[in-house]
């Protein structure tokens, strides 16, 4: 596992509902200040990065949202610290 930092790498699967940068901004804003969100569509999944204000907020977001769904039974997030 990569050392904790303020940037999270996210893979979203089970894309039954649409997800965009604003969706992730709203989700991750629940645990802190989001500096930047970037998403890229990879056919059956989305990949992206969420940059939090600091490492503590990123760690809290990872702890709360890793392997969780954005919507009921859809849009599952796998979260890891980004490799810098």
PDB file of N, CA and C in Angstrom:
ATOM      1  N   UNK A   1       0.837  -1.192   0.000  1.00  0.00           N
ATOM      2  CA  UNK A   1       0.000   0.000   0.000  1.00  0.00           C
ATOM      3  C   UNK A   1       0.877   1.249   0.000  1.00  0.00           C
ATOM      4  N   UNK A   2       0.448   2.238  -0.761  1.00  0.00           N
ATOM      5  CA  UNK A   2       1.152   3.511  -0.861  1.00  0.00           C
ATOM      6  C   UNK A   2       0.996   4.303   0.438  1.00  0.00           C
ATOM      7  N   UNK A   3       2.029   5.051   0.798  1.00  0.00           N
ATOM      8  CA  UNK A   3       1.996   5.874   2.014  1.00  0.00           C
ATOM      9  C   UNK A   3       0.849   6.886   1.933  1.00  0.00           C
ATOM     10  N   UNK A   4       0.229   7.174   3.079  1.00  0.00           N
ATOM     11  CA  UNK A   4      -0.862   8.158   3.088  1.00  0.00           C
ATOM     12  C   UNK A   4      -0.412   9.521   2.564  1.00  0.00           C
ATOM     13  N   UNK A   5      -1.271  10.115   1.756  1.00  0.00           N
ATOM     14  CA  UNK A   5      -1.069  11.479   1.267  1.00  0.00           C
ATOM     15  C   UNK A   5      -2.449  12.062   1.019  1.00  0.00           C
ATOM     16  N   UNK A   6      -2.519  13.303   0.573  1.00  0.00           N
ATOM     17  CA  UNK A   6      -3.829  13.954   0.473  1.00  0.00           C
ATOM     18  C   UNK A   6      -4.576  13.654  -0.824  1.00  0.00           C
ATOM     19  N   UNK A   7      -3.969  12.863  -1.725  1.00  0.00           N
ATOM     20  CA  UNK A   7      -4.609  12.539  -2.997  1.00  0.00           C
ATOM     21  C   UNK A   7      -5.050  11.078  -2.997  1.00  0.00           C
ATOM     22  N   UNK A   8      -6.326  10.869  -3.298  1.00  0.00           N
ATOM     23  CA  UNK A   8      -6.908   9.530  -3.321  1.00  0.00           C
ATOM     24  C   UNK A   8      -7.158   9.090  -4.758  1.00  0.00           C
ATOM     25  N   UNK A   9      -6.816   7.850  -5.072  1.00  0.00           N
ATOM     26  CA  UNK A   9      -7.115   7.240  -6.359  1.00  0.00           C
ATOM     27  C   UNK A   9      -8.398   6.435  -6.183  1.00  0.00           C
ATOM     28  N   UNK A  10      -9.351   6.657  -7.069  1.00  0.00           N
ATOM     29  CA  UNK A  10     -10.668   6.052  -6.909  1.00  0.00           C
ATOM     30  C   UNK A  10     -11.060   5.311  -8.182  1.00  0.00           C
ATOM     31  N   UNK A  11     -11.569   4.098  -8.009  1.00  0.00           N
ATOM     32  CA  UNK A  11     -12.169   3.343  -9.103  1.00  0.00           C
ATOM     33  C   UNK A  11     -13.629   3.128  -8.731  1.00  0.00           C
ATOM     34  N   UNK A  12     -14.525   3.490  -9.649  1.00  0.00           N
ATOM     35  CA  UNK A  12     -15.953   3.338  -9.407  1.00  0.00           C
ATOM     36  C   UNK A  12     -16.505   2.304 -10.384  1.00  0.00           C
ATOM     37  N   UNK A  13     -17.133   1.279  -9.832  1.00  0.00           N
ATOM     38  CA  UNK A  13     -17.747   0.225 -10.637  1.00  0.00           C
ATOM     39  C   UNK A  13     -19.253   0.177 -10.352  1.00  0.00           C
ATOM     40  N   UNK A  14     -19.939  -0.713 -11.022  1.00  0.00           N
ATOM     41  CA  UNK A  14     -21.404  -0.829 -10.901  1.00  0.00           C
ATOM     42  C   UNK A  14     -22.063   0.505 -11.248  1.00  0.00           C
ATOM     43  N   UNK A  15     -21.750   1.008 -12.427  1.00  0.00           N
ATOM     44  CA  UNK A  15     -22.204   2.339 -12.842  1.00  0.00           C
ATOM     45  C   UNK A  15     -23.648   2.322 -13.342  1.00  0.00           C
ATOM     46  N   UNK A  16     -24.564   2.075 -12.427  1.00  0.00           N
ATOM     47  CA  UNK A  16     -25.990   2.072 -12.780  1.00  0.00           C
ATOM     48  C   UNK A  16     -26.512   3.505 -12.867  1.00  0.00           C
ATOM     49  N   UNK A  17     -26.047   4.364 -11.994  1.00  0.00           N
ATOM     50  CA  UNK A  17     -26.421   5.784 -11.985  1.00  0.00           C
ATOM     51  C   UNK A  17     -25.232   6.618 -12.466  1.00  0.00           C
ATOM     52  N   UNK A  18     -25.509   7.775 -13.082  1.00  0.00           N
ATOM     53  CA  UNK A  18     -24.400   8.622 -13.547  1.00  0.00           C
ATOM     54  C   UNK A  18     -23.617   9.223 -12.376  1.00  0.00           C
ATOM     55  N   UNK A  19     -22.298   9.294 -12.559  1.00  0.00           N
ATOM     56  CA  UNK A  19     -21.401   9.903 -11.576  1.00  0.00           C
ATOM     57  C   UNK A  19     -20.510  10.884 -12.316  1.00  0.00           C
ATOM     58  N   UNK A  20     -20.361  12.087 -11.775  1.00  0.00           N
ATOM     59  CA  UNK A  20     -19.453  13.061 -12.368  1.00  0.00           C
ATOM     60  C   UNK A  20     -18.608  13.699 -11.250  1.00  0.00           C
ATOM     61  N   UNK A  21     -17.806  14.670 -11.610  1.00  0.00           N
ATOM     62  CA  UNK A  21     -16.930  15.327 -10.626  1.00  0.00           C
ATOM     63  C   UNK A  21     -17.733  15.972  -9.501  1.00  0.00           C
ATOM     64  N   UNK A  22     -18.883  16.562  -9.829  1.00  0.00           N
ATOM     65  CA  UNK A  22     -19.713  17.188  -8.797  1.00  0.00           C
ATOM     66  C   UNK A  22     -20.240  16.161  -7.789  1.00  0.00           C
ATOM     67  N   UNK A  23     -20.580  14.966  -8.283  1.00  0.00           N
ATOM     68  CA  UNK A  23     -21.037  13.900  -7.386  1.00  0.00           C
ATOM     69  C   UNK A  23     -19.962  13.569  -6.365  1.00  0.00           C
ATOM     70  N   UNK A  24     -18.732  13.343  -6.856  1.00  0.00           N
ATOM     71  CA  UNK A  24     -17.634  13.003  -5.944  1.00  0.00           C
ATOM     72  C   UNK A  24     -17.311  14.170  -5.012  1.00  0.00           C
ATOM     73  N   UNK A  25     -17.385  15.391  -5.527  1.00  0.00           N
ATOM     74  CA  UNK A  25     -17.145  16.561  -4.682  1.00  0.00           C
ATOM     75  C   UNK A  25     -18.117  16.574  -3.501  1.00  0.00           C
ATOM     76  N   UNK A  26     -19.396  16.324  -3.782  1.00  0.00           N
ATOM     77  CA  UNK A  26     -20.407  16.321  -2.708  1.00  0.00           C
ATOM     78  C   UNK A  26     -20.150  15.202  -1.704  1.00  0.00           C
ATOM     79  N   UNK A  27     -19.805  14.017  -2.181  1.00  0.00           N
ATOM     80  CA  UNK A  27     -19.548  12.885  -1.287  1.00  0.00           C
ATOM     81  C   UNK A  27     -18.355  13.180  -0.377  1.00  0.00           C
ATOM     82  N   UNK A  28     -17.233  13.573  -0.969  1.00  0.00           N
ATOM     83  CA  UNK A  28     -16.007  13.742  -0.193  1.00  0.00           C
ATOM     84  C   UNK A  28     -16.011  15.013   0.656  1.00  0.00           C
ATOM     85  N   UNK A  29     -16.852  15.964   0.322  1.00  0.00           N
ATOM     86  CA  UNK A  29     -16.971  17.179   1.137  1.00  0.00           C
ATOM     87  C   UNK A  29     -17.567  16.884   2.506  1.00  0.00           C
ATOM     88  N   UNK A  30     -18.176  15.714   2.679  1.00  0.00           N
ATOM     89  CA  UNK A  30     -18.733  15.335   3.976  1.00  0.00           C
ATOM     90  C   UNK A  30     -17.648  15.156   5.034  1.00  0.00           C
ATOM     91  N   UNK A  31     -16.406  14.877   4.604  1.00  0.00           N
ATOM     92  CA  UNK A  31     -15.333  14.635   5.577  1.00  0.00           C
ATOM     93  C   UNK A  31     -14.255  15.716   5.572  1.00  0.00           C
ATOM     94  N   UNK A  32     -14.360  16.701   4.683  1.00  0.00           N
ATOM     95  CA  UNK A  32     -13.341  17.743   4.675  1.00  0.00           C
ATOM     96  C   UNK A  32     -13.422  18.619   3.440  1.00  0.00           C
ATOM     97  N   UNK A  33     -12.369  19.367   3.237  1.00  0.00           N
ATOM     98  CA  UNK A  33     -12.296  20.320   2.131  1.00  0.00           C
ATOM     99  C   UNK A  33     -11.669  19.657   0.902  1.00  0.00           C
ATOM    100  N   UNK A  34     -12.426  19.615  -0.186  1.00  0.00           N
ATOM    101  CA  UNK A  34     -11.955  19.014  -1.437  1.00  0.00           C
ATOM    102  C   UNK A  34     -11.279  20.089  -2.277  1.00  0.00           C
ATOM    103  N   UNK A  35     -10.036  19.836  -2.658  1.00  0.00           N
ATOM    104  CA  UNK A  35      -9.301  20.801  -3.480  1.00  0.00           C
ATOM    105  C   UNK A  35      -9.521  20.577  -4.974  1.00  0.00           C
ATOM    106  N   UNK A  36      -9.607  19.289  -5.393  1.00  0.00           N
ATOM    107  CA  UNK A  36      -9.722  19.009  -6.822  1.00  0.00           C
ATOM    108  C   UNK A  36     -10.287  17.609  -7.031  1.00  0.00           C
ATOM    109  N   UNK A  37     -11.076  17.457  -8.111  1.00  0.00           N
ATOM    110  CA  UNK A  37     -11.601  16.157  -8.512  1.00  0.00           C
ATOM    111  C   UNK A  37     -11.370  15.990 -10.006  1.00  0.00           C
ATOM    112  N   UNK A  38     -10.833  14.837 -10.390  1.00  0.00           N
ATOM    113  CA  UNK A  38     -10.604  14.521 -11.804  1.00  0.00           C
ATOM    114  C   UNK A  38     -11.164  13.123 -12.058  1.00  0.00           C
ATOM    115  N   UNK A  39     -11.936  12.959 -13.136  1.00  0.00           N
ATOM    116  CA  UNK A  39     -12.506  11.658 -13.484  1.00  0.00           C
ATOM    117  C   UNK A  39     -12.203  11.317 -14.937  1.00  0.00           C
ATOM    118  N   UNK A  40     -12.038  10.017 -15.197  1.00  0.00           N
ATOM    119  CA  UNK A  40     -11.824   9.535 -16.556  1.00  0.00           C
ATOM    120  C   UNK A  40     -12.649   8.268 -16.733  1.00  0.00           C
ATOM    121  N   UNK A  41     -13.406   8.211 -17.833  1.00  0.00           N
ATOM    122  CA  UNK A  41     -14.237   7.048 -18.116  1.00  0.00           C
ATOM    123  C   UNK A  41     -13.393   5.947 -18.735  1.00  0.00           C
ATOM    124  N   UNK A  42     -13.412   4.767 -18.144  1.00  0.00           N
ATOM    125  CA  UNK A  42     -12.668   3.600 -18.636  1.00  0.00           C
ATOM    126  C   UNK A  42     -13.662   2.485 -18.958  1.00  0.00           C
ATOM    127  N   UNK A  43     -14.477   2.666 -19.961  1.00  0.00           N
ATOM    128  CA  UNK A  43     -15.518   1.743 -20.439  1.00  0.00           C
ATOM    129  C   UNK A  43     -16.482   1.304 -19.336  1.00  0.00           C
ATOM    130  N   UNK A  44     -16.191   0.243 -18.588  1.00  0.00           N
ATOM    131  CA  UNK A  44     -17.144  -0.264 -17.597  1.00  0.00           C
ATOM    132  C   UNK A  44     -16.915   0.312 -16.199  1.00  0.00           C
ATOM    133  N   UNK A  45     -15.961   1.221 -16.065  1.00  0.00           N
ATOM    134  CA  UNK A  45     -15.703   1.827 -14.760  1.00  0.00           C
ATOM    135  C   UNK A  45     -15.204   3.253 -14.940  1.00  0.00           C
ATOM    136  N   UNK A  46     -15.244   4.006 -13.860  1.00  0.00           N
ATOM    137  CA  UNK A  46     -14.652   5.341 -13.816  1.00  0.00           C
ATOM    138  C   UNK A  46     -13.407   5.280 -12.953  1.00  0.00           C
ATOM    139  N   UNK A  47     -12.383   6.018 -13.345  1.00  0.00           N
ATOM    140  CA  UNK A  47     -11.185   6.158 -12.524  1.00  0.00           C
ATOM    141  C   UNK A  47     -10.951   7.641 -12.312  1.00  0.00           C
ATOM    142  N   UNK A  48     -10.452   7.974 -11.148  1.00  0.00           N
ATOM    143  CA  UNK A  48     -10.204   9.378 -10.901  1.00  0.00           C
ATOM    144  C   UNK A  48      -9.402   9.619  -9.644  1.00  0.00           C
ATOM    145  N   UNK A  49      -9.219  10.896  -9.382  1.00  0.00           N
ATOM    146  CA  UNK A  49      -8.469  11.342  -8.216  1.00  0.00           C
ATOM    147  C   UNK A  49      -9.282  12.392  -7.481  1.00  0.00           C
ATOM    148  N   UNK A  50      -9.226  12.332  -6.161  1.00  0.00           N
ATOM    149  CA  UNK A  50      -9.799  13.382  -5.322  1.00  0.00           C
ATOM    150  C   UNK A  50      -8.670  13.893  -4.445  1.00  0.00           C
ATOM    151  N   UNK A  51      -8.419  15.189  -4.526  1.00  0.00           N
ATOM    152  CA  UNK A  51      -7.391  15.802  -3.684  1.00  0.00           C
ATOM    153  C   UNK A  51      -8.071  16.509  -2.524  1.00  0.00           C
ATOM    154  N   UNK A  52      -7.733  16.072  -1.318  1.00  0.00           N
ATOM    155  CA  UNK A  52      -8.282  16.676  -0.109  1.00  0.00           C
ATOM    156  C   UNK A  52      -7.322  17.761   0.396  1.00  0.00           C
ATOM    157  N   UNK A  53      -7.768  18.548   1.351  1.00  0.00           N
ATOM    158  CA  UNK A  53      -6.955  19.640   1.901  1.00  0.00           C
ATOM    159  C   UNK A  53      -5.694  19.125   2.598  1.00  0.00           C
ATOM    160  N   UNK A  54      -5.806  17.993   3.317  1.00  0.00           N
ATOM    161  CA  UNK A  54      -4.638  17.464   4.011  1.00  0.00           C
ATOM    162  C   UNK A  54      -4.726  15.942   4.141  1.00  0.00           C
ATOM    163  N   UNK A  55      -3.678  15.349   4.659  1.00  0.00           N
ATOM    164  CA  UNK A  55      -3.579  13.891   4.769  1.00  0.00           C
ATOM    165  C   UNK A  55      -4.637  13.329   5.719  1.00  0.00           C
ATOM    166  N   UNK A  56      -4.908  14.017   6.810  1.00  0.00           N
ATOM    167  CA  UNK A  56      -5.893  13.529   7.776  1.00  0.00           C
ATOM    168  C   UNK A  56      -7.284  13.419   7.152  1.00  0.00           C
ATOM    169  N   UNK A  57      -7.665  14.414   6.375  1.00  0.00           N
ATOM    170  CA  UNK A  57      -8.967  14.378   5.708  1.00  0.00           C
ATOM    171  C   UNK A  57      -9.008  13.258   4.670  1.00  0.00           C
ATOM    172  N   UNK A  58      -7.921  13.073   3.941  1.00  0.00           N
ATOM    173  CA  UNK A  58      -7.863  12.002   2.949  1.00  0.00           C
ATOM    174  C   UNK A  58      -7.969  10.637   3.622  1.00  0.00           C
ATOM    175  N   UNK A  59      -7.282  10.463   4.739  1.00  0.00           N
ATOM    176  CA  UNK A  59      -7.337   9.199   5.469  1.00  0.00           C
ATOM    177  C   UNK A  59      -8.751   8.933   5.993  1.00  0.00           C
ATOM    178  N   UNK A  60      -9.415   9.959   6.479  1.00  0.00           N
ATOM    179  CA  UNK A  60     -10.784   9.819   6.969  1.00  0.00           C
ATOM    180  C   UNK A  60     -11.735   9.465   5.819  1.00  0.00           C
ATOM    181  N   UNK A  61     -11.566  10.110   4.671  1.00  0.00           N
ATOM    182  CA  UNK A  61     -12.402   9.811   3.505  1.00  0.00           C
ATOM    183  C   UNK A  61     -12.202   8.372   3.053  1.00  0.00           C
ATOM    184  N   UNK A  62     -10.950   7.932   3.021  1.00  0.00           N
ATOM    185  CA  UNK A  62     -10.652   6.551   2.623  1.00  0.00           C
ATOM    186  C   UNK A  62     -11.295   5.578   3.609  1.00  0.00           C
ATOM    187  N   UNK A  63     -11.180   5.851   4.884  1.00  0.00           N
ATOM    188  CA  UNK A  63     -11.753   4.976   5.908  1.00  0.00           C
ATOM    189  C   UNK A  63     -13.281   4.901   5.805  1.00  0.00           C
ATOM    190  N   UNK A  64     -13.905   6.023   5.515  1.00  0.00           N
ATOM    191  CA  UNK A  64     -15.371   6.061   5.471  1.00  0.00           C
ATOM    192  C   UNK A  64     -15.958   5.530   4.171  1.00  0.00           C
ATOM    193  N   UNK A  65     -15.291   5.763   3.047  1.00  0.00           N
ATOM    194  CA  UNK A  65     -15.916   5.498   1.745  1.00  0.00           C
ATOM    195  C   UNK A  65     -15.346   4.321   0.963  1.00  0.00           C
ATOM    196  N   UNK A  66     -14.207   3.755   1.355  1.00  0.00           N
ATOM    197  CA  UNK A  66     -13.630   2.637   0.602  1.00  0.00           C
ATOM    198  C   UNK A  66     -14.587   1.441   0.621  1.00  0.00           C
ATOM    199  N   UNK A  67     -14.837   0.897  -0.571  1.00  0.00           N
ATOM    200  CA  UNK A  67     -15.757  -0.236  -0.765  1.00  0.00           C
ATOM    201  C   UNK A  67     -17.209   0.081  -0.395  1.00  0.00           C
ATOM    202  N   UNK A  68     -17.558   1.360  -0.436  1.00  0.00           N
ATOM    203  CA  UNK A  68     -18.937   1.778  -0.200  1.00  0.00           C
ATOM    204  C   UNK A  68     -19.570   2.223  -1.529  1.00  0.00           C
ATOM    205  N   UNK A  69     -20.899   2.222  -1.555  1.00  0.00           N
ATOM    206  CA  UNK A  69     -21.650   2.643  -2.734  1.00  0.00           C
ATOM    207  C   UNK A  69     -22.065   4.107  -2.594  1.00  0.00           C
ATOM    208  N   UNK A  70     -22.012   4.835  -3.713  1.00  0.00           N
ATOM    209  CA  UNK A  70     -22.497   6.220  -3.709  1.00  0.00           C
ATOM    210  C   UNK A  70     -24.030   6.218  -3.625  1.00  0.00           C
ATOM    211  N   UNK A  71     -24.653   5.338  -4.394  1.00  0.00           N
ATOM    212  CA  UNK A  71     -26.097   5.160  -4.379  1.00  0.00           C
ATOM    213  C   UNK A  71     -26.389   3.736  -3.900  1.00  0.00           C
ATOM    214  N   UNK A  72     -27.593   3.482  -3.446  1.00  0.00           N
ATOM    215  CA  UNK A  72     -27.949   2.149  -2.954  1.00  0.00           C
ATOM    216  C   UNK A  72     -27.655   1.086  -4.011  1.00  0.00           C
ATOM    217  N   UNK A  73     -26.740   0.203  -3.689  1.00  0.00           N
ATOM    218  CA  UNK A  73     -26.363  -0.936  -4.545  1.00  0.00           C
ATOM    219  C   UNK A  73     -25.799  -0.558  -5.906  1.00  0.00           C
ATOM    220  N   UNK A  74     -25.296   0.654  -6.047  1.00  0.00           N
ATOM    221  CA  UNK A  74     -24.637   1.022  -7.306  1.00  0.00           C
ATOM    222  C   UNK A  74     -23.512   2.026  -7.060  1.00  0.00           C
ATOM    223  N   UNK A  75     -22.629   2.104  -8.031  1.00  0.00           N
ATOM    224  CA  UNK A  75     -21.512   3.042  -7.995  1.00  0.00           C
ATOM    225  C   UNK A  75     -20.608   2.792  -6.784  1.00  0.00           C
ATOM    226  N   UNK A  76     -20.000   1.605  -6.764  1.00  0.00           N
ATOM    227  CA  UNK A  76     -19.118   1.209  -5.662  1.00  0.00           C
ATOM    228  C   UNK A  76     -17.742   1.838  -5.841  1.00  0.00           C
ATOM    229  N   UNK A  77     -17.214   2.409  -4.765  1.00  0.00           N
ATOM    230  CA  UNK A  77     -15.913   3.073  -4.807  1.00  0.00           C
ATOM    231  C   UNK A  77     -14.833   2.209  -4.165  1.00  0.00           C
ATOM    232  N   UNK A  78     -13.754   1.980  -4.890  1.00  0.00           N
ATOM    233  CA  UNK A  78     -12.545   1.378  -4.340  1.00  0.00           C
ATOM    234  C   UNK A  78     -11.534   2.511  -4.240  1.00  0.00           C
ATOM    235  N   UNK A  79     -10.995   2.745  -3.050  1.00  0.00           N
ATOM    236  CA  UNK A  79     -10.162   3.919  -2.802  1.00  0.00           C
ATOM    237  C   UNK A  79      -8.809   3.510  -2.255  1.00  0.00           C
ATOM    238  N   UNK A  80      -7.764   4.126  -2.802  1.00  0.00           N
ATOM    239  CA  UNK A  80      -6.390   3.933  -2.317  1.00  0.00           C
ATOM    240  C   UNK A  80      -5.692   5.285  -2.336  1.00  0.00           C
ATOM    241  N   UNK A  81      -4.635   5.407  -1.563  1.00  0.00           N
ATOM    242  CA  UNK A  81      -3.817   6.619  -1.652  1.00  0.00           C
ATOM    243  C   UNK A  81      -3.099   6.606  -2.990  1.00  0.00           C
ATOM    244  N   UNK A  82      -3.054   7.746  -3.665  1.00  0.00           N
ATOM    245  CA  UNK A  82      -2.419   7.836  -4.974  1.00  0.00           C
ATOM    246  C   UNK A  82      -0.914   7.690  -4.866  1.00  0.00           C
ATOM    247  N   UNK A  83      -0.325   7.099  -5.891  1.00  0.00           N
ATOM    248  CA  UNK A  83       1.132   7.037  -5.977  1.00  0.00           C
ATOM    249  C   UNK A  83       1.614   8.352  -6.540  1.00  0.00           C
ATOM    250  N   UNK A  84       2.459   9.033  -5.793  1.00  0.00           N
ATOM    251  CA  UNK A  84       2.934  10.364  -6.205  1.00  0.00           C
ATOM    252  C   UNK A  84       4.247  10.278  -6.956  1.00  0.00           C
TER     253      UNK A  84
END
